[in-house]
Amino acid sequence: ISTAYNSGKNAVVIAEGTYEVNFALGSHVIMKDGVSLYGGYNNTTWQRDIQNNITTIKNISHNAQTGITSKTVHFSGLTQNVELDGLTILSGTDDSDENRSSAIYCENVTGQVTIQNCTINSQGTNHYRLYGIYTYNSNVIILHNSISMGIVRNHDESLVVRNTAIYT
């Protein structure tokens, strides 16, 4: 994403497969102004078919710092429009009591974030808080997504909207 941003590109296309990040080790997807992510591409022909070419971003984090929300995809402070389209996003599995985990986390975005055609899953089993999509002080369009939770225990929500304009 940073390479696309630094070279003036406005999109990153991602081939089918599972791509792992580890928030506890400082690795997660950090969205950049004006750069969108599109999944569902065949890794040979580069034809797009989001139904058959599943593109997954999976947070394999197990031990995020207590009180910090583990994030798989993070939108923060963006001023330009971006899209997340055709991806499966899995949150971390930090299985300790006071940890929080979010598959998609949007904060302080004055541009517009469009999340569409995605499968979003918070996959923990023992979190204090699990979020599919967490938004705060942002502009978000959410269209044609499937949002599911792992084992719901305490304060778990598929969608959290705080001081955010949501369009569906």
Protein backbone atom coordinates (compact mmCIF):
# COMPACT_ATOMS: atom_id res chain seq x y z
CA ILE A 1 0.00 0.00 0.00
CA SER A 2 2.82 2.38 0.86
CA THR A 3 4.51 1.64 -2.48
CA ALA A 4 1.28 2.42 -4.35
CA TYR A 5 0.81 5.59 -2.31
CA ASN A 6 4.39 6.78 -2.81
CA SER A 7 4.20 6.18 -6.58
CA GLY A 8 0.86 7.97 -7.00
CA LYS A 9 -1.23 4.85 -7.63
CA ASN A 10 -4.83 4.78 -6.41
CA ALA A 11 -5.43 1.02 -6.15
CA VAL A 12 -3.84 -2.23 -5.08
CA VAL A 13 -5.28 -5.43 -6.57
CA ILE A 14 -4.74 -8.61 -4.57
CA ALA A 15 -4.68 -12.19 -5.86
CA GLU A 16 -6.54 -15.01 -4.20
CA GLY A 17 -4.89 -16.52 -1.14
CA THR A 18 -4.43 -15.88 2.57
CA TYR A 19 -2.19 -13.03 3.66
CA GLU A 20 -1.22 -13.01 7.33
CA VAL A 21 -0.53 -9.98 9.50
CA ASN A 22 0.39 -9.94 13.18
CA PHE A 23 -0.70 -6.82 15.06
CA ALA A 24 1.21 -7.88 18.20
CA LEU A 25 4.43 -7.73 16.16
CA GLY A 26 3.56 -4.41 14.52
CA SER A 27 2.13 -5.81 11.30
CA HIS A 28 -1.33 -4.88 10.03
CA VAL A 29 -2.86 -3.23 6.97
CA ILE A 30 -2.64 0.56 7.30
CA MET A 31 -4.72 2.27 4.66
CA LYS A 32 -3.29 5.33 2.90
CA ASP A 33 -5.05 8.40 1.49
CA GLY A 34 -6.60 7.70 -1.92
CA VAL A 35 -5.33 4.09 -2.20
CA SER A 36 -8.03 1.40 -2.37
CA LEU A 37 -7.72 -2.38 -1.95
CA TYR A 38 -9.49 -4.82 -4.28
CA GLY A 39 -9.43 -8.58 -3.72
CA GLY A 40 -10.72 -11.53 -5.71
CA TYR A 41 -8.18 -11.74 -8.52
CA ASN A 42 -6.97 -14.98 -10.06
CA ASN A 43 -3.23 -15.29 -9.39
CA THR A 44 -2.51 -16.40 -12.98
CA THR A 45 -4.93 -14.57 -15.26
CA TRP A 46 -5.64 -11.56 -13.01
CA GLN A 47 -9.33 -11.87 -13.88
CA ARG A 48 -11.53 -10.74 -10.99
CA ASP A 49 -14.09 -13.12 -9.49
CA ILE A 50 -14.65 -12.41 -5.79
CA GLN A 51 -16.84 -15.50 -5.36
CA ASN A 52 -14.23 -18.01 -6.55
CA ASN A 53 -10.93 -16.21 -5.90
CA ILE A 54 -11.11 -15.72 -2.13
CA THR A 55 -8.62 -13.13 -0.87
CA THR A 56 -8.16 -13.24 2.91
CA ILE A 57 -6.28 -10.91 5.24
CA LYS A 58 -5.90 -12.72 8.55
CA ASN A 59 -4.57 -11.26 11.77
CA ILE A 60 -2.69 -14.09 13.50
CA SER A 61 -1.94 -11.95 16.56
CA HIS A 62 -2.37 -13.73 19.90
CA ASN A 63 -0.87 -11.35 22.45
CA ALA A 64 -1.68 -7.72 21.70
CA GLN A 65 -0.89 -5.27 24.46
CA THR A 66 -3.62 -5.08 27.11
CA GLY A 67 -5.94 -2.13 26.54
CA ILE A 68 -4.89 -1.68 22.90
CA THR A 69 -7.28 -2.74 20.14
CA SER A 70 -5.69 -5.25 17.77
CA LYS A 71 -6.52 -4.23 14.21
CA THR A 72 -6.38 -6.17 10.94
CA VAL A 73 -7.22 -3.25 8.60
CA HIS A 74 -6.82 0.28 9.97
CA PHE A 75 -8.14 3.54 8.51
CA SER A 76 -6.88 6.56 10.48
CA GLY A 77 -6.83 10.28 9.68
CA LEU A 78 -7.56 9.81 5.97
CA THR A 79 -8.78 12.86 4.04
CA GLN A 80 -9.27 11.21 0.62
CA ASN A 81 -11.78 8.55 -0.41
CA VAL A 82 -10.75 4.88 -0.25
CA GLU A 83 -12.42 1.52 -0.86
CA LEU A 84 -12.04 -1.95 0.60
CA ASP A 85 -13.71 -4.33 -1.85
CA GLY A 86 -13.90 -8.10 -2.32
CA LEU A 87 -11.84 -9.21 0.68
CA THR A 88 -12.24 -11.53 3.64
CA ILE A 89 -10.95 -9.79 6.78
CA LEU A 90 -10.32 -11.80 9.97
CA SER A 91 -9.56 -10.15 13.31
CA GLY A 92 -6.87 -11.32 15.69
CA THR A 93 -7.38 -14.10 18.20
CA ASP A 94 -5.92 -12.49 21.31
CA ASP A 95 -7.42 -14.91 23.81
CA SER A 96 -6.79 -13.08 27.05
CA ASP A 97 -9.23 -11.24 29.22
CA GLU A 98 -8.70 -7.51 28.74
CA ASN A 99 -7.76 -7.50 25.05
CA ARG A 100 -9.84 -6.05 22.21
CA SER A 101 -9.76 -6.98 18.55
CA SER A 102 -11.28 -5.44 15.44
CA ALA A 103 -11.25 -6.77 11.89
CA ILE A 104 -11.73 -3.23 10.48
CA TYR A 105 -11.03 -0.11 12.54
CA CYS A 106 -11.86 3.40 11.24
CA GLU A 107 -10.99 6.52 13.21
CA ASN A 108 -10.93 10.25 12.43
CA VAL A 109 -11.53 9.85 8.69
CA THR A 110 -12.82 12.98 6.92
CA GLY A 111 -12.60 11.35 3.49
CA GLN A 112 -15.05 8.61 2.67
CA VAL A 113 -14.38 4.91 3.41
CA THR A 114 -16.38 2.44 1.33
CA ILE A 115 -16.44 -1.16 2.57
CA GLN A 116 -18.22 -3.42 0.11
CA ASN A 117 -18.46 -7.05 -0.99
CA CYS A 118 -16.40 -8.17 2.02
CA THR A 119 -16.66 -11.01 4.53
CA ILE A 120 -15.70 -9.74 7.96
CA ASN A 121 -15.15 -12.03 10.94
CA SER A 122 -14.06 -11.37 14.51
CA GLN A 123 -12.60 -14.72 15.36
CA GLY A 124 -11.60 -14.56 19.03
CA THR A 125 -13.01 -16.71 21.80
CA ASN A 126 -12.13 -14.91 25.03
CA HIS A 127 -11.82 -11.20 24.27
CA TYR A 128 -13.09 -8.39 26.40
CA ARG A 129 -14.41 -6.76 23.21
CA LEU A 130 -14.63 -8.11 19.66
CA TYR A 131 -15.59 -5.88 16.73
CA GLY A 132 -16.29 -6.73 13.11
CA ILE A 133 -16.20 -3.06 12.08
CA TYR A 134 -15.46 -0.30 14.58
CA THR A 135 -15.92 3.31 13.45
CA TYR A 136 -15.24 6.54 15.32
CA ASN A 137 -15.54 10.07 13.95
CA SER A 138 -15.54 8.90 10.31
CA ASN A 139 -17.58 8.79 7.08
CA VAL A 140 -18.29 5.20 6.09
CA ILE A 141 -20.35 3.48 3.40
CA ILE A 142 -21.06 -0.20 4.14
CA LEU A 143 -22.58 -2.21 1.26
CA HIS A 144 -23.12 -5.92 0.55
CA ASN A 145 -20.96 -7.32 3.36
CA SER A 146 -21.25 -10.34 5.63
CA ILE A 147 -20.21 -9.62 9.22
CA SER A 148 -19.97 -12.45 11.76
CA MET A 149 -18.54 -13.01 15.21
CA GLY A 150 -16.57 -15.76 16.91
CA ILE A 151 -17.74 -16.98 20.29
CA VAL A 152 -19.49 -13.96 21.79
CA ARG A 153 -18.64 -13.46 25.42
CA ASN A 154 -18.54 -9.89 26.71
CA HIS A 155 -19.31 -6.63 24.91
CA ASP A 156 -18.93 -8.14 21.45
CA GLU A 157 -20.46 -6.29 18.51
CA SER A 158 -20.48 -6.85 14.77
CA LEU A 159 -20.71 -3.12 14.04
CA VAL A 160 -19.86 -0.23 16.39
CA VAL A 161 -20.68 3.29 15.23
CA ARG A 162 -19.49 6.26 17.31
CA ASN A 163 -19.82 9.82 16.02
CA THR A 164 -19.82 8.48 12.44
CA ALA A 165 -21.88 9.08 9.31
CA ILE A 166 -22.90 5.65 7.98
CA TYR A 167 -24.47 5.14 4.56
CA THR A 168 -25.90 1.81 3.44
